[in-house]
Amino acid sequence: MTANIEAQDKFLTVNNLRLHYLDWGRQEAQPMVLLHGMTGTCHSWDFFASAMRRDYHVLALDQRGHGDSQWADSYAADDFLADLDAFLDALGLDRVILIGHSMGGRNAIMYAARYRAKVTHLVSVDIGPEIGQAGLERIRQTRAAEPPVFGNLEAARRYIRLGEPRYSEAVLEHQLRHSLRERPDGKLEFKCDGQFLTMSVSRPPVEELWSYVRQLTCPTLIVRGALSDILLHDVALGMQQKVPNSRLVEIEGAGHSVPCDNPEAFEAAVRHFLHS
């Protein structure tokens, strides 16, 4: 399986930050905006976007501090929401399908709750107001296993494979190619602010996040990896019960990184949701 990269690299400046995004064309189609997870990039969505570009105007954003977007002084949740709102306004997009994974899913939930008129459909991928403690500890241990600077590509490959054991070789190589940059000394580092690697960026309180979930009104798909230790089944079910016109789907063979762990099943679930 390969990602057919036909997107245009584009940049715009909002809130005094230069943000990078991929535009997959079809300007006349329904816009679909994709938000990656913490330490990810817009290229995290390449396989999914390649498949969906035939039917939608797909745009994948490098959120502040990630990918080829500028780093920032603040990474509060409100900053991400302000960036997204300014991004949509700058492109003249006022009715979008919003899909977010992990941190991007949290941002998507909060945005859809605040800006109800701007989101036609929401897909929240493996994130909820509460995060499984075992999953948090696993991530901490993975990130402590090796420094965020790598002497060579093989060391980076080993690190990513440790955290993402379900990636196919094609997905692993693709993410490896787009997640790293070479430093002046020849070493490799992730394309994100180091604050995300050390998990020092705070998230909103649990009850505040539940409040946003309860405010959702648009058709909502809650996606959980069946093997996820981040979004636990009971939390996902609680979200589904609190959001009218929502449904919950659990993707077999997928952990937290659902769109990359099982791309075909994830695409099928999203298409079924949007077409029903």
C-alpha atoms as a PDB file:
ATOM      1  CA  MET A   1       0.000   0.000   0.000  1.00  0.00           C
ATOM      2  CA  THR A   2       1.377   3.398  -0.968  1.00  0.00           C
ATOM      3  CA  ALA A   3       0.195   6.949  -0.535  1.00  0.00           C
ATOM      4  CA  ASN A   4      -0.356   8.683  -3.859  1.00  0.00           C
ATOM      5  CA  ILE A   5       1.059  12.084  -2.954  1.00  0.00           C
ATOM      6  CA  GLU A   6      -0.549  14.632  -5.246  1.00  0.00           C
ATOM      7  CA  ALA A   7      -1.124  17.380  -2.711  1.00  0.00           C
ATOM      8  CA  GLN A   8       0.223  20.902  -2.939  1.00  0.00           C
ATOM      9  CA  ASP A   9       2.398  22.216  -0.119  1.00  0.00           C
ATOM     10  CA  LYS A  10       0.979  25.564   0.955  1.00  0.00           C
ATOM     11  CA  PHE A  11       1.589  28.116   3.692  1.00  0.00           C
ATOM     12  CA  LEU A  12      -0.393  30.924   5.248  1.00  0.00           C
ATOM     13  CA  THR A  13       0.125  33.177   8.230  1.00  0.00           C
ATOM     14  CA  VAL A  14      -2.486  33.373  10.970  1.00  0.00           C
ATOM     15  CA  ASN A  15      -2.144  34.683  14.519  1.00  0.00           C
ATOM     16  CA  ASN A  16       1.425  35.729  13.663  1.00  0.00           C
ATOM     17  CA  LEU A  17       2.360  32.126  12.890  1.00  0.00           C
ATOM     18  CA  ARG A  18       3.308  30.655   9.533  1.00  0.00           C
ATOM     19  CA  LEU A  19       1.330  27.444   9.154  1.00  0.00           C
ATOM     20  CA  HIS A  20       1.939  24.716   6.596  1.00  0.00           C
ATOM     21  CA  TYR A  21      -0.779  22.548   5.087  1.00  0.00           C
ATOM     22  CA  LEU A  22      -1.396  20.111   2.273  1.00  0.00           C
ATOM     23  CA  ASP A  23      -4.159  20.862  -0.218  1.00  0.00           C
ATOM     24  CA  TRP A  24      -5.346  17.831  -2.127  1.00  0.00           C
ATOM     25  CA  GLY A  25      -7.360  19.791  -4.698  1.00  0.00           C
ATOM     26  CA  ARG A  26     -10.981  19.570  -5.883  1.00  0.00           C
ATOM     27  CA  GLN A  27     -11.818  23.076  -4.712  1.00  0.00           C
ATOM     28  CA  GLU A  28     -15.448  22.617  -5.743  1.00  0.00           C
ATOM     29  CA  ALA A  29     -16.003  19.623  -3.459  1.00  0.00           C
ATOM     30  CA  GLN A  30     -17.082  19.478   0.193  1.00  0.00           C
ATOM     31  CA  PRO A  31     -14.095  20.561   2.311  1.00  0.00           C
ATOM     32  CA  MET A  32     -12.613  18.003   4.693  1.00  0.00           C
ATOM     33  CA  VAL A  33     -10.033  19.246   7.219  1.00  0.00           C
ATOM     34  CA  LEU A  34      -7.661  16.812   8.925  1.00  0.00           C
ATOM     35  CA  LEU A  35      -5.860  17.422  12.245  1.00  0.00           C
ATOM     36  CA  HIS A  36      -2.955  15.167  13.285  1.00  0.00           C
ATOM     37  CA  GLY A  37      -2.018  14.032  16.774  1.00  0.00           C
ATOM     38  CA  MET A  38       0.714  15.204  19.124  1.00  0.00           C
ATOM     39  CA  THR A  39       4.219  14.950  17.539  1.00  0.00           C
ATOM     40  CA  GLY A  40       2.584  14.060  14.212  1.00  0.00           C
ATOM     41  CA  THR A  41       2.446  16.010  10.966  1.00  0.00           C
ATOM     42  CA  CYS A  42      -0.063  16.605   8.201  1.00  0.00           C
ATOM     43  CA  HIS A  43       1.587  13.692   6.380  1.00  0.00           C
ATOM     44  CA  SER A  44       0.129  11.370   9.018  1.00  0.00           C
ATOM     45  CA  TRP A  45      -3.019  11.547   6.869  1.00  0.00           C
ATOM     46  CA  ASP A  46      -1.458  10.903   3.442  1.00  0.00           C
ATOM     47  CA  PHE A  47      -2.887   7.397   2.939  1.00  0.00           C
ATOM     48  CA  PHE A  48      -6.373   8.448   4.023  1.00  0.00           C
ATOM     49  CA  ALA A  49      -6.252  11.729   2.086  1.00  0.00           C
ATOM     50  CA  SER A  50      -5.076   9.966  -1.080  1.00  0.00           C
ATOM     51  CA  ALA A  51      -8.197   7.811  -0.946  1.00  0.00           C
ATOM     52  CA  MET A  52     -10.648  10.591  -0.049  1.00  0.00           C
ATOM     53  CA  ARG A  53      -9.396  13.261  -2.459  1.00  0.00           C
ATOM     54  CA  ARG A  54     -11.566  11.898  -5.276  1.00  0.00           C
ATOM     55  CA  ASP A  55     -14.719  12.875  -3.392  1.00  0.00           C
ATOM     56  CA  TYR A  56     -13.734  15.762  -1.100  1.00  0.00           C
ATOM     57  CA  HIS A  57     -11.572  18.872  -0.982  1.00  0.00           C
ATOM     58  CA  VAL A  58      -9.088  17.494   1.538  1.00  0.00           C
ATOM     59  CA  LEU A  59      -6.823  19.787   3.534  1.00  0.00           C
ATOM     60  CA  ALA A  60      -4.373  18.509   6.163  1.00  0.00           C
ATOM     61  CA  LEU A  61      -2.931  21.103   8.544  1.00  0.00           C
ATOM     62  CA  ASP A  62       0.393  21.072  10.359  1.00  0.00           C
ATOM     63  CA  GLN A  63      -0.776  22.479  13.688  1.00  0.00           C
ATOM     64  CA  ARG A  64       1.391  25.003  15.531  1.00  0.00           C
ATOM     65  CA  GLY A  65       4.683  23.551  16.700  1.00  0.00           C
ATOM     66  CA  HIS A  66       4.474  20.575  14.331  1.00  0.00           C
ATOM     67  CA  GLY A  67       5.729  19.594  10.900  1.00  0.00           C
ATOM     68  CA  ASP A  68       6.663  22.555   8.739  1.00  0.00           C
ATOM     69  CA  SER A  69       4.561  25.023  10.726  1.00  0.00           C
ATOM     70  CA  GLN A  70       6.188  27.583  12.974  1.00  0.00           C
ATOM     71  CA  TRP A  71       6.838  26.918  16.647  1.00  0.00           C
ATOM     72  CA  ALA A  72       5.003  29.111  19.139  1.00  0.00           C
ATOM     73  CA  ASP A  73       5.338  30.587  22.614  1.00  0.00           C
ATOM     74  CA  SER A  74       2.058  29.026  23.743  1.00  0.00           C
ATOM     75  CA  TYR A  75       0.362  25.698  23.094  1.00  0.00           C
ATOM     76  CA  ALA A  76      -2.828  26.151  25.079  1.00  0.00           C
ATOM     77  CA  ALA A  77      -5.938  24.504  23.648  1.00  0.00           C
ATOM     78  CA  ASP A  78      -7.415  27.919  22.842  1.00  0.00           C
ATOM     79  CA  ASP A  79      -4.374  28.689  20.668  1.00  0.00           C
ATOM     80  CA  PHE A  80      -4.991  25.624  18.499  1.00  0.00           C
ATOM     81  CA  LEU A  81      -8.669  26.525  18.156  1.00  0.00           C
ATOM     82  CA  ALA A  82      -7.850  30.117  17.218  1.00  0.00           C
ATOM     83  CA  ASP A  83      -5.408  28.876  14.577  1.00  0.00           C
ATOM     84  CA  LEU A  84      -7.984  26.532  13.084  1.00  0.00           C
ATOM     85  CA  ASP A  85     -10.672  29.208  13.006  1.00  0.00           C
ATOM     86  CA  ALA A  86      -8.333  31.717  11.351  1.00  0.00           C
ATOM     87  CA  PHE A  87      -7.159  29.042   8.906  1.00  0.00           C
ATOM     88  CA  LEU A  88     -10.727  28.272   7.816  1.00  0.00           C
ATOM     89  CA  ASP A  89     -11.580  31.965   7.548  1.00  0.00           C
ATOM     90  CA  ALA A  90      -8.485  32.690   5.457  1.00  0.00           C
ATOM     91  CA  LEU A  91      -9.493  29.976   2.990  1.00  0.00           C
ATOM     92  CA  GLY A  92     -13.162  30.969   2.990  1.00  0.00           C
ATOM     93  CA  LEU A  93     -14.288  27.616   4.385  1.00  0.00           C
ATOM     94  CA  ASP A  94     -17.406  27.876   6.523  1.00  0.00           C
ATOM     95  CA  ARG A  95     -18.983  24.362   6.354  1.00  0.00           C
ATOM     96  CA  VAL A  96     -16.386  21.624   6.798  1.00  0.00           C
ATOM     97  CA  ILE A  97     -16.067  17.978   7.688  1.00  0.00           C
ATOM     98  CA  LEU A  98     -13.609  17.992  10.589  1.00  0.00           C
ATOM     99  CA  ILE A  99     -11.533  14.910  11.385  1.00  0.00           C
ATOM    100  CA  GLY A 100      -8.956  14.792  14.156  1.00  0.00           C
ATOM    101  CA  HIS A 101      -6.770  12.127  15.711  1.00  0.00           C
ATOM    102  CA  SER A 102      -5.575  12.172  19.327  1.00  0.00           C
ATOM    103  CA  MET A 103      -4.596  15.781  20.165  1.00  0.00           C
ATOM    104  CA  GLY A 104      -6.128  16.790  16.835  1.00  0.00           C
ATOM    105  CA  GLY A 105      -9.302  14.950  17.826  1.00  0.00           C
ATOM    106  CA  ARG A 106      -9.469  16.851  21.088  1.00  0.00           C
ATOM    107  CA  ASN A 107      -9.048  20.108  19.184  1.00  0.00           C
ATOM    108  CA  ALA A 108     -11.717  19.022  16.696  1.00  0.00           C
ATOM    109  CA  ILE A 109     -14.213  18.212  19.472  1.00  0.00           C
ATOM    110  CA  MET A 110     -13.655  21.565  21.141  1.00  0.00           C
ATOM    111  CA  TYR A 111     -13.892  23.443  17.847  1.00  0.00           C
ATOM    112  CA  ALA A 112     -17.100  21.680  16.766  1.00  0.00           C
ATOM    113  CA  ALA A 113     -18.668  22.439  20.135  1.00  0.00           C
ATOM    114  CA  ARG A 114     -17.754  26.138  19.988  1.00  0.00           C
ATOM    115  CA  TYR A 115     -18.342  26.764  16.283  1.00  0.00           C
ATOM    116  CA  ARG A 116     -21.370  24.615  15.589  1.00  0.00           C
ATOM    117  CA  ALA A 117     -22.358  26.370  12.373  1.00  0.00           C
ATOM    118  CA  LYS A 118     -18.979  25.712  10.775  1.00  0.00           C
ATOM    119  CA  VAL A 119     -18.786  21.911  11.157  1.00  0.00           C
ATOM    120  CA  THR A 120     -21.147  19.654   9.216  1.00  0.00           C
ATOM    121  CA  HIS A 121     -19.683  16.344  10.449  1.00  0.00           C
ATOM    122  CA  LEU A 122     -17.142  15.476  13.129  1.00  0.00           C
ATOM    123  CA  VAL A 123     -14.893  12.415  13.286  1.00  0.00           C
ATOM    124  CA  SER A 124     -13.008  12.060  16.565  1.00  0.00           C
ATOM    125  CA  VAL A 125     -10.306   9.407  16.411  1.00  0.00           C
ATOM    126  CA  ASP A 126      -9.131   7.593  19.550  1.00  0.00           C
ATOM    127  CA  ILE A 127      -9.332  10.436  22.031  1.00  0.00           C
ATOM    128  CA  GLY A 128     -11.696  11.308  24.822  1.00  0.00           C
ATOM    129  CA  PRO A 129     -11.935  13.510  27.898  1.00  0.00           C
ATOM    130  CA  GLU A 130     -10.205  10.778  29.912  1.00  0.00           C
ATOM    131  CA  ILE A 131      -7.043   8.966  28.822  1.00  0.00           C
ATOM    132  CA  GLY A 132      -6.117   5.462  29.942  1.00  0.00           C
ATOM    133  CA  GLN A 133      -3.332   5.576  32.507  1.00  0.00           C
ATOM    134  CA  ALA A 134      -1.651   2.499  31.056  1.00  0.00           C
ATOM    135  CA  GLY A 135      -1.512   4.261  27.679  1.00  0.00           C
ATOM    136  CA  LEU A 136       0.015   7.390  29.177  1.00  0.00           C
ATOM    137  CA  GLU A 137       2.645   5.337  30.957  1.00  0.00           C
ATOM    138  CA  ARG A 138       3.426   3.405  27.778  1.00  0.00           C
ATOM    139  CA  ILE A 139       4.000   6.644  25.871  1.00  0.00           C
ATOM    140  CA  ARG A 140       6.217   8.018  28.648  1.00  0.00           C
ATOM    141  CA  GLN A 141       8.329   4.872  28.637  1.00  0.00           C
ATOM    142  CA  THR A 142       8.620   4.855  24.849  1.00  0.00           C
ATOM    143  CA  ARG A 143       9.757   8.462  24.734  1.00  0.00           C
ATOM    144  CA  ALA A 144      12.229   7.880  27.558  1.00  0.00           C
ATOM    145  CA  ALA A 145      13.721   4.861  25.789  1.00  0.00           C
ATOM    146  CA  GLU A 146      15.753   6.939  23.363  1.00  0.00           C
ATOM    147  CA  PRO A 147      16.560  10.664  23.078  1.00  0.00           C
ATOM    148  CA  PRO A 148      14.578  12.723  20.527  1.00  0.00           C
ATOM    149  CA  VAL A 149      17.763  13.168  18.448  1.00  0.00           C
ATOM    150  CA  PHE A 150      18.992  10.250  16.357  1.00  0.00           C
ATOM    151  CA  GLY A 151      22.427   9.562  14.973  1.00  0.00           C
ATOM    152  CA  ASN A 152      21.085   7.782  11.922  1.00  0.00           C
ATOM    153  CA  LEU A 153      17.912   6.695  10.168  1.00  0.00           C
ATOM    154  CA  GLU A 154      18.015   3.186  11.623  1.00  0.00           C
ATOM    155  CA  ALA A 155      17.926   4.550  15.182  1.00  0.00           C
ATOM    156  CA  ALA A 156      14.884   6.649  14.278  1.00  0.00           C
ATOM    157  CA  ARG A 157      13.219   3.666  12.616  1.00  0.00           C
ATOM    158  CA  ARG A 158      13.768   1.563  15.740  1.00  0.00           C
ATOM    159  CA  TYR A 159      12.262   4.284  17.934  1.00  0.00           C
ATOM    160  CA  ILE A 160       9.145   4.709  15.776  1.00  0.00           C
ATOM    161  CA  ARG A 161       8.644   0.942  15.509  1.00  0.00           C
ATOM    162  CA  LEU A 162       8.815   0.674  19.297  1.00  0.00           C
ATOM    163  CA  GLY A 163       5.922   3.106  19.640  1.00  0.00           C
ATOM    164  CA  GLU A 164       3.972   1.922  16.590  1.00  0.00           C
ATOM    165  CA  PRO A 165       4.224  -1.881  16.407  1.00  0.00           C
ATOM    166  CA  ARG A 166       1.162  -2.239  14.128  1.00  0.00           C
ATOM    167  CA  TYR A 167       2.379  -0.039  11.286  1.00  0.00           C
ATOM    168  CA  SER A 168       2.923  -1.866   8.023  1.00  0.00           C
ATOM    169  CA  GLU A 169       6.405  -1.469   6.568  1.00  0.00           C
ATOM    170  CA  ALA A 170       5.012   0.911   3.939  1.00  0.00           C
ATOM    171  CA  VAL A 171       3.371   3.138   6.556  1.00  0.00           C
ATOM    172  CA  LEU A 172       6.468   3.046   8.767  1.00  0.00           C
ATOM    173  CA  GLU A 173       8.771   4.119   5.943  1.00  0.00           C
ATOM    174  CA  HIS A 174       6.354   6.837   4.867  1.00  0.00           C
ATOM    175  CA  GLN A 175       6.093   8.323   8.350  1.00  0.00           C
ATOM    176  CA  LEU A 176       9.841   8.030   8.830  1.00  0.00           C
ATOM    177  CA  ARG A 177      10.401  10.037   5.662  1.00  0.00           C
ATOM    178  CA  HIS A 178       8.026  12.837   6.650  1.00  0.00           C
ATOM    179  CA  SER A 179       8.398  13.016  10.444  1.00  0.00           C
ATOM    180  CA  LEU A 180      12.087  13.902  10.665  1.00  0.00           C
ATOM    181  CA  ARG A 181      14.432  16.671   9.643  1.00  0.00           C
ATOM    182  CA  GLU A 182      18.215  16.752   9.455  1.00  0.00           C
ATOM    183  CA  ARG A 183      20.036  19.107  11.800  1.00  0.00           C
ATOM    184  CA  PRO A 184      23.180  21.048  10.813  1.00  0.00           C
ATOM    185  CA  ASP A 185      25.283  18.406  12.611  1.00  0.00           C
ATOM    186  CA  GLY A 186      23.788  15.659  10.444  1.00  0.00           C
ATOM    187  CA  LYS A 187      21.664  14.131  13.196  1.00  0.00           C
ATOM    188  CA  LEU A 188      17.914  13.643  12.836  1.00  0.00           C
ATOM    189  CA  GLU A 189      15.143  15.059  14.993  1.00  0.00           C
ATOM    190  CA  PHE A 190      11.364  15.039  14.949  1.00  0.00           C
ATOM    191  CA  LYS A 191       9.643  17.931  13.201  1.00  0.00           C
ATOM    192  CA  CYS A 192       7.955  19.272  16.313  1.00  0.00           C
ATOM    193  CA  ASP A 193       8.686  21.477  19.288  1.00  0.00           C
ATOM    194  CA  GLY A 194      10.469  19.457  21.964  1.00  0.00           C
ATOM    195  CA  GLN A 195       7.761  20.360  24.468  1.00  0.00           C
ATOM    196  CA  PHE A 196       5.518  17.762  22.834  1.00  0.00           C
ATOM    197  CA  LEU A 197       8.157  15.052  23.043  1.00  0.00           C
ATOM    198  CA  THR A 198       8.617  15.648  26.760  1.00  0.00           C
ATOM    199  CA  MET A 199       4.825  15.721  27.230  1.00  0.00           C
ATOM    200  CA  SER A 200       5.119  19.066  29.020  1.00  0.00           C
ATOM    201  CA  VAL A 201       2.197  20.608  27.107  1.00  0.00           C
ATOM    202  CA  SER A 202      -0.879  20.701  29.312  1.00  0.00           C
ATOM    203  CA  ARG A 203      -4.357  19.610  28.295  1.00  0.00           C
ATOM    204  CA  PRO A 204      -7.708  21.005  29.499  1.00  0.00           C
ATOM    205  CA  PRO A 205      -9.220  19.506  32.674  1.00  0.00           C
ATOM    206  CA  VAL A 206     -11.256  16.320  32.277  1.00  0.00           C
ATOM    207  CA  GLU A 207     -14.582  17.876  33.276  1.00  0.00           C
ATOM    208  CA  GLU A 208     -14.074  20.739  30.845  1.00  0.00           C
ATOM    209  CA  LEU A 209     -13.507  18.248  28.049  1.00  0.00           C
ATOM    210  CA  TRP A 210     -16.652  16.323  29.006  1.00  0.00           C
ATOM    211  CA  SER A 211     -18.505  19.629  28.851  1.00  0.00           C
ATOM    212  CA  TYR A 212     -17.373  20.105  25.255  1.00  0.00           C
ATOM    213  CA  VAL A 213     -18.498  16.573  24.380  1.00  0.00           C
ATOM    214  CA  ARG A 214     -21.961  17.316  25.773  1.00  0.00           C
ATOM    215  CA  GLN A 215     -22.183  20.461  23.621  1.00  0.00           C
ATOM    216  CA  LEU A 216     -21.696  18.621  20.319  1.00  0.00           C
ATOM    217  CA  THR A 217     -24.702  18.772  17.993  1.00  0.00           C
ATOM    218  CA  CYS A 218     -23.389  17.810  14.532  1.00  0.00           C
ATOM    219  CA  PRO A 219     -23.373  14.204  13.306  1.00  0.00           C
ATOM    220  CA  THR A 220     -20.386  12.669  15.066  1.00  0.00           C
ATOM    221  CA  LEU A 221     -18.372   9.503  14.541  1.00  0.00           C
ATOM    222  CA  ILE A 222     -16.346   8.349  17.523  1.00  0.00           C
ATOM    223  CA  VAL A 223     -13.581   6.024  16.348  1.00  0.00           C
ATOM    224  CA  ARG A 224     -11.685   3.807  18.750  1.00  0.00           C
ATOM    225  CA  GLY A 225      -8.877   1.375  18.020  1.00  0.00           C
ATOM    226  CA  ALA A 226     -10.075  -1.944  19.418  1.00  0.00           C
ATOM    227  CA  LEU A 227      -6.613  -2.438  20.962  1.00  0.00           C
ATOM    228  CA  SER A 228      -6.223   1.145  22.189  1.00  0.00           C
ATOM    229  CA  ASP A 229      -4.974   1.846  25.691  1.00  0.00           C
ATOM    230  CA  ILE A 230      -5.565   5.594  25.239  1.00  0.00           C
ATOM    231  CA  LEU A 231      -9.319   5.737  24.566  1.00  0.00           C
ATOM    232  CA  LEU A 232     -10.848   3.025  26.726  1.00  0.00           C
ATOM    233  CA  HIS A 233     -14.085   1.351  25.657  1.00  0.00           C
ATOM    234  CA  ASP A 234     -16.134   2.686  28.583  1.00  0.00           C
ATOM    235  CA  VAL A 235     -15.029   6.261  27.901  1.00  0.00           C
ATOM    236  CA  ALA A 236     -15.838   5.948  24.198  1.00  0.00           C
ATOM    237  CA  LEU A 237     -19.247   4.504  25.035  1.00  0.00           C
ATOM    238  CA  GLY A 238     -19.885   7.343  27.473  1.00  0.00           C
ATOM    239  CA  MET A 239     -19.081   9.843  24.724  1.00  0.00           C
ATOM    240  CA  GLN A 240     -21.469   8.156  22.323  1.00  0.00           C
ATOM    241  CA  GLN A 241     -24.247   8.212  24.919  1.00  0.00           C
ATOM    242  CA  LYS A 242     -23.782  11.942  25.536  1.00  0.00           C
ATOM    243  CA  VAL A 243     -23.702  13.091  21.903  1.00  0.00           C
ATOM    244  CA  PRO A 244     -26.985  13.035  19.977  1.00  0.00           C
ATOM    245  CA  ASN A 245     -26.780  11.759  16.404  1.00  0.00           C
ATOM    246  CA  SER A 246     -23.487  10.014  17.097  1.00  0.00           C
ATOM    247  CA  ARG A 247     -22.162   6.538  16.580  1.00  0.00           C
ATOM    248  CA  LEU A 248     -19.203   4.575  17.897  1.00  0.00           C
ATOM    249  CA  VAL A 249     -17.055   2.262  15.821  1.00  0.00           C
ATOM    250  CA  GLU A 250     -14.118   0.198  17.053  1.00  0.00           C
ATOM    251  CA  ILE A 251     -11.523  -0.689  14.428  1.00  0.00           C
ATOM    252  CA  GLU A 252     -10.121  -4.204  14.694  1.00  0.00           C
ATOM    253  CA  GLY A 253      -6.360  -4.640  14.596  1.00  0.00           C
ATOM    254  CA  ALA A 254      -5.765  -0.996  15.528  1.00  0.00           C
ATOM    255  CA  GLY A 255      -4.315   0.597  18.622  1.00  0.00           C
ATOM    256  CA  HIS A 256      -4.182   4.336  19.211  1.00  0.00           C
ATOM    257  CA  SER A 257      -2.882   5.205  15.725  1.00  0.00           C
ATOM    258  CA  VAL A 258      -6.043   4.022  13.983  1.00  0.00           C
ATOM    259  CA  PRO A 259      -5.649   5.683  10.539  1.00  0.00           C
ATOM    260  CA  CYS A 260      -2.165   4.192  10.139  1.00  0.00           C
ATOM    261  CA  ASP A 261      -2.704   0.884  11.976  1.00  0.00           C
ATOM    262  CA  ASN A 262      -5.642  -0.169   9.781  1.00  0.00           C
ATOM    263  CA  PRO A 263      -6.046   2.374   6.947  1.00  0.00           C
ATOM    264  CA  GLU A 264      -8.581   0.382   4.933  1.00  0.00           C
ATOM    265  CA  ALA A 265     -10.970  -0.201   7.826  1.00  0.00           C
ATOM    266  CA  PHE A 266     -10.664   3.407   8.971  1.00  0.00           C
ATOM    267  CA  GLU A 267     -11.471   4.720   5.494  1.00  0.00           C
ATOM    268  CA  ALA A 268     -14.451   2.368   5.226  1.00  0.00           C
ATOM    269  CA  ALA A 269     -15.822   3.509   8.588  1.00  0.00           C
ATOM    270  CA  VAL A 270     -15.545   7.181   7.687  1.00  0.00           C
ATOM    271  CA  ARG A 271     -17.137   6.683   4.275  1.00  0.00           C
ATOM    272  CA  HIS A 272     -20.037   4.725   5.764  1.00  0.00           C
ATOM    273  CA  PHE A 273     -20.604   7.492   8.317  1.00  0.00           C
ATOM    274  CA  LEU A 274     -20.520  10.295   5.748  1.00  0.00           C
ATOM    275  CA  HIS A 275     -22.768   8.492   3.276  1.00  0.00           C
ATOM    276  CA  SER A 276     -25.438   7.315   5.714  1.00  0.00           C
END
